[in-house]
Amino acid sequence: MKGVRWRNWMEDKRGSLMVVATVIATMTFQIAINPPGGVWQAKTHDQQGCEAVICTAGAYAICIWMILNPLKKLVGTITLYYALFWGGFPVLICLAIFCRLAFWILKRFSRFLCCPHKNITGSV
């Protein structure tokens, strides 16, 4: 009876980790739809319409974004596959989630440096 409860607990834990990994993967690929800093909506004399704000921030900001975004995607994808196929070692999955969170925070900080006229929530 004790082995059955242990097995059910592990299956429940695996299911929970799969949900978390799926949400992380979904958030990871959101960047393709919404570039950092948003998109210029209006076309005026000093800015072009339909251009990503990060492109006007300079090469340094683009380099930071191009390094952190693939790392974040890689960690999210590895977490998803690891939870899907191997499912054990929740400590490693938690470490991967922590790494992804660290990359996300660094990316948000670099966005704030790139676009100081916007606050961190994205409103003007």
Protein backbone atom coordinates (compact mmCIF):
# COMPACT_ATOMS: atom_id res chain seq x y z
CA MET A 1 0.00 0.00 0.00
CA LYS A 2 2.87 2.36 0.79
CA GLY A 3 4.42 1.81 -2.65
CA VAL A 4 1.14 2.67 -4.36
CA ARG A 5 0.87 5.99 -2.50
CA TRP A 6 4.49 6.80 -3.34
CA ARG A 7 3.90 6.07 -7.02
CA ASN A 8 0.72 8.20 -7.07
CA TRP A 9 2.57 11.05 -5.38
CA MET A 10 5.33 10.90 -7.97
CA GLU A 11 2.80 10.88 -10.82
CA ASP A 12 1.03 13.89 -9.33
CA LYS A 13 4.35 15.71 -8.95
CA ARG A 14 5.29 14.88 -12.54
CA GLY A 15 1.94 16.24 -13.75
CA SER A 16 2.44 19.47 -11.81
CA LEU A 17 5.94 19.91 -13.21
CA MET A 18 4.62 19.35 -16.74
CA VAL A 19 2.07 22.14 -16.29
CA VAL A 20 4.78 24.49 -15.00
CA ALA A 21 7.14 23.56 -17.85
CA THR A 22 4.40 24.12 -20.44
CA VAL A 23 3.60 27.56 -19.05
CA ILE A 24 7.32 28.44 -19.11
CA ALA A 25 7.65 27.31 -22.73
CA THR A 26 4.59 29.36 -23.68
CA MET A 27 5.99 32.49 -22.04
CA THR A 28 9.39 31.87 -23.61
CA PHE A 29 8.15 32.06 -27.19
CA GLN A 30 5.98 35.13 -26.51
CA ILE A 31 8.97 37.35 -27.34
CA ALA A 32 8.55 36.63 -31.05
CA ILE A 33 5.16 38.34 -30.96
CA ASN A 34 6.00 41.22 -28.63
CA PRO A 35 9.52 42.69 -29.05
CA PRO A 36 11.14 44.31 -26.01
CA GLY A 37 10.11 47.92 -25.55
CA GLY A 38 7.13 47.48 -27.85
CA VAL A 39 6.65 48.85 -31.35
CA TRP A 40 6.41 52.49 -32.41
CA GLN A 41 2.79 53.05 -33.38
CA ALA A 42 2.90 56.52 -34.92
CA LYS A 43 5.18 57.86 -37.59
CA THR A 44 6.58 61.31 -36.84
CA HIS A 45 9.59 63.23 -38.06
CA ASP A 46 11.95 61.63 -35.52
CA GLN A 47 10.70 58.03 -35.42
CA GLN A 48 9.40 55.51 -37.90
CA GLY A 49 6.15 53.63 -37.50
CA CYS A 50 6.02 49.84 -37.04
CA GLU A 51 9.62 49.67 -35.85
CA ALA A 52 10.71 47.86 -32.70
CA VAL A 53 11.77 50.25 -29.95
CA ILE A 54 14.86 48.18 -29.19
CA CYS A 55 16.18 48.86 -32.71
CA THR A 56 16.37 52.56 -31.87
CA ALA A 57 18.20 51.91 -28.58
CA GLY A 58 21.54 51.06 -30.17
CA ALA A 59 23.75 48.07 -30.90
CA TYR A 60 24.64 47.41 -27.25
CA ALA A 61 21.01 46.88 -26.28
CA ILE A 62 20.39 44.60 -29.25
CA CYS A 63 23.46 42.50 -28.35
CA ILE A 64 22.26 42.06 -24.77
CA TRP A 65 18.82 41.06 -25.99
CA MET A 66 20.24 38.67 -28.61
CA ILE A 67 22.31 36.90 -25.95
CA LEU A 68 19.72 36.67 -23.17
CA ASN A 69 16.70 35.72 -25.27
CA PRO A 70 18.15 32.49 -26.79
CA LEU A 71 19.54 31.48 -23.39
CA LYS A 72 16.11 31.94 -21.87
CA LYS A 73 14.52 29.92 -24.68
CA LEU A 74 17.10 27.17 -24.33
CA VAL A 75 16.59 26.80 -20.58
CA GLY A 76 12.80 26.81 -21.02
CA THR A 77 12.93 24.16 -23.74
CA ILE A 78 15.34 21.95 -21.80
CA THR A 79 13.09 22.20 -18.75
CA LEU A 80 10.09 21.17 -20.82
CA TYR A 81 11.82 18.17 -22.42
CA TYR A 82 13.37 17.08 -19.15
CA ALA A 83 10.02 17.12 -17.36
CA LEU A 84 8.36 15.35 -20.29
CA PHE A 85 10.82 12.50 -20.85
CA TRP A 86 12.68 11.96 -17.59
CA GLY A 87 10.45 13.57 -14.98
CA GLY A 88 12.66 12.83 -12.01
CA PHE A 89 15.06 15.02 -10.08
CA PRO A 90 12.80 17.97 -9.23
CA VAL A 91 15.87 19.81 -7.91
CA LEU A 92 17.32 20.04 -11.43
CA ILE A 93 14.01 21.26 -12.81
CA CYS A 94 13.83 23.90 -10.07
CA LEU A 95 17.39 24.95 -10.91
CA ALA A 96 16.45 25.31 -14.58
CA ILE A 97 13.41 27.39 -13.64
CA PHE A 98 15.63 29.58 -11.44
CA CYS A 99 18.09 30.08 -14.34
CA ARG A 100 15.26 31.03 -16.65
CA LEU A 101 13.96 33.51 -14.08
CA ALA A 102 17.45 35.02 -13.76
CA PHE A 103 17.69 35.44 -17.55
CA TRP A 104 14.23 37.03 -17.56
CA ILE A 105 15.23 39.53 -14.85
CA LEU A 106 18.44 40.43 -16.70
CA LYS A 107 16.49 40.88 -19.92
CA ARG A 108 13.95 43.14 -18.18
CA PHE A 109 16.77 45.17 -16.67
CA SER A 110 18.42 45.56 -20.08
CA ARG A 111 15.06 46.67 -21.50
CA PHE A 112 14.83 49.35 -18.83
CA LEU A 113 18.34 50.55 -19.74
CA CYS A 114 17.43 50.59 -23.43
CA CYS A 115 14.17 52.47 -23.00
CA PRO A 116 14.48 54.78 -19.99
CA HIS A 117 11.44 56.81 -21.08
CA LYS A 118 9.21 53.83 -20.31
CA ASN A 119 8.72 52.29 -16.90
CA ILE A 120 9.07 48.56 -16.35
CA THR A 121 5.37 47.82 -17.00
CA GLY A 122 5.61 49.22 -20.52
CA SER A 123 3.35 52.25 -20.15
CA VAL A 124 4.63 55.71 -21.06
